Amino acid sequence: MSKSKATKGKRYTAAEKQEVLDYVAAVDADKGRGGVAAAARHFGITPLTITAWKKRAAAGGAPGIPAAATPTKGGSKGATAQSRTLHRLAEILDEIEGAKAKIASLEKEYAKLKKKV
């Protein structure tokens, strides 16, 4: 038997993962591609790990949630799809309400300025 201990990989917090994903998004937005490779060099994390985080975030899951907390094969795919749809509906509704508030604010400002003219 070997006496050496196997090294364990580093565990990243949700905030650290989000920082890496934000960096990837910034590089991709700036250069169009290469964000994962740049983040891998910058943070010293393998591209495979960063890609896994991106996939989890794109699938609607938070990158900080461990895999054990995500639905497994035993779960219903329909329920997962439905929960993603409901989550997206809530996000859209929040965006609509924010836009309506912004429009109301702009209309008030418009009316004030129009009275001055």
Protein backbone atom coordinates (compact mmCIF):
# COMPACT_ATOMS: atom_id res chain seq x y z
CA MET A 1 0.00 0.00 0.00
CA SER A 2 1.09 3.51 -0.70
CA LYS A 3 1.67 5.73 2.30
CA SER A 4 1.12 8.97 0.40
CA LYS A 5 -2.21 10.67 0.78
CA ALA A 6 -4.24 11.41 -2.30
CA THR A 7 -4.69 15.14 -2.73
CA LYS A 8 -8.20 16.44 -2.86
CA GLY A 9 -9.27 19.03 -5.37
CA LYS A 10 -10.03 22.57 -4.29
CA ARG A 11 -13.62 23.34 -3.46
CA TYR A 12 -14.91 26.65 -4.80
CA THR A 13 -17.63 28.73 -3.21
CA ALA A 14 -20.61 29.93 -5.22
CA ALA A 15 -19.15 33.45 -5.17
CA GLU A 16 -15.82 32.23 -6.56
CA LYS A 17 -17.58 30.28 -9.30
CA GLN A 18 -19.69 33.30 -10.18
CA GLU A 19 -16.58 35.49 -10.34
CA VAL A 20 -15.00 33.05 -12.81
CA LEU A 21 -18.19 32.88 -14.90
CA ASP A 22 -18.43 36.68 -14.95
CA TYR A 23 -14.82 36.85 -16.16
CA VAL A 24 -15.61 34.31 -18.90
CA ALA A 25 -18.65 36.33 -19.99
CA ALA A 26 -16.62 39.56 -20.05
CA VAL A 27 -13.88 38.04 -22.21
CA ASP A 28 -16.43 36.43 -24.53
CA ALA A 29 -18.29 39.74 -24.88
CA ASP A 30 -15.05 41.60 -25.56
CA LYS A 31 -13.35 39.17 -27.91
CA GLY A 32 -16.23 36.97 -29.07
CA ARG A 33 -14.62 33.76 -27.83
CA GLY A 34 -11.83 32.37 -25.68
CA GLY A 35 -13.34 33.23 -22.31
CA VAL A 36 -12.95 29.76 -20.83
CA ALA A 37 -9.30 29.48 -21.85
CA ALA A 38 -8.54 32.98 -20.56
CA ALA A 39 -10.26 32.25 -17.24
CA ALA A 40 -8.40 28.95 -16.94
CA ARG A 41 -5.09 30.79 -17.30
CA HIS A 42 -6.14 33.70 -15.08
CA PHE A 43 -7.60 31.68 -12.18
CA GLY A 44 -5.59 28.45 -12.53
CA ILE A 45 -8.69 26.30 -12.99
CA THR A 46 -9.02 23.65 -15.66
CA PRO A 47 -11.14 24.53 -18.70
CA LEU A 48 -13.17 21.36 -18.10
CA THR A 49 -14.22 22.59 -14.67
CA ILE A 50 -15.17 26.03 -15.96
CA THR A 51 -17.15 24.49 -18.83
CA ALA A 52 -19.06 22.32 -16.35
CA TRP A 53 -19.93 25.44 -14.33
CA LYS A 54 -21.08 27.21 -17.50
CA LYS A 55 -23.30 24.28 -18.47
CA ARG A 56 -24.87 24.13 -15.02
CA ALA A 57 -25.53 27.89 -15.06
CA ALA A 58 -26.98 27.71 -18.59
CA ALA A 59 -29.29 24.87 -17.57
CA GLY A 60 -30.86 27.12 -14.97
CA GLY A 61 -28.94 25.75 -12.00
CA ALA A 62 -26.67 27.86 -9.90
CA PRO A 63 -22.99 27.03 -10.34
CA GLY A 64 -22.55 26.89 -6.56
CA ILE A 65 -25.06 24.10 -6.00
CA PRO A 66 -23.43 20.69 -5.66
CA ALA A 67 -24.39 17.98 -8.13
CA ALA A 68 -26.16 16.01 -5.37
CA ALA A 69 -28.72 18.81 -5.08
CA THR A 70 -29.67 18.66 -8.74
CA PRO A 71 -32.36 16.30 -10.06
CA THR A 72 -31.15 12.78 -10.79
CA LYS A 73 -32.26 10.15 -13.29
CA GLY A 74 -34.96 9.00 -10.88
CA GLY A 75 -36.72 12.37 -11.11
CA SER A 76 -39.31 13.37 -13.64
CA LYS A 77 -37.90 15.28 -16.60
CA GLY A 78 -41.28 16.90 -17.14
CA ALA A 79 -41.28 18.32 -13.63
CA THR A 80 -37.79 19.75 -14.13
CA ALA A 81 -38.76 21.32 -17.45
CA GLN A 82 -41.92 22.68 -15.91
CA SER A 83 -40.05 24.21 -12.98
CA ARG A 84 -37.58 25.84 -15.40
CA THR A 85 -40.51 27.23 -17.40
CA LEU A 86 -42.17 28.59 -14.26
CA HIS A 87 -38.88 30.12 -13.13
CA ARG A 88 -38.43 31.80 -16.52
CA LEU A 89 -42.02 33.08 -16.44
CA ALA A 90 -41.33 34.68 -13.06
CA GLU A 91 -38.15 36.28 -14.41
CA ILE A 92 -40.00 37.68 -17.43
CA LEU A 93 -42.77 39.04 -15.22
CA ASP A 94 -40.18 40.79 -13.04
CA GLU A 95 -38.57 42.30 -16.16
CA ILE A 96 -41.97 43.50 -17.42
CA GLU A 97 -42.78 45.11 -14.07
CA GLY A 98 -39.38 46.80 -14.00
CA ALA A 99 -39.90 48.09 -17.53
CA LYS A 100 -43.36 49.42 -16.63
CA ALA A 101 -41.92 51.25 -13.63
CA LYS A 102 -39.19 52.73 -15.83
CA ILE A 103 -41.78 53.84 -18.42
CA ALA A 104 -43.92 55.46 -15.70
CA SER A 105 -40.88 57.32 -14.40
CA LEU A 106 -39.96 58.51 -17.89
CA GLU A 107 -43.54 59.63 -18.58
CA LYS A 108 -43.53 61.72 -15.39
CA GLU A 109 -40.23 63.30 -16.35
CA TYR A 110 -41.53 63.92 -19.89
CA ALA A 111 -44.65 65.64 -18.52
CA LYS A 112 -42.56 67.88 -16.24
CA LEU A 113 -40.24 68.90 -19.04
CA LYS A 114 -43.14 69.48 -21.42
CA LYS A 115 -44.74 71.89 -18.94
CA LYS A 116 -41.52 73.92 -18.88
CA VAL A 117 -41.58 74.41 -22.65
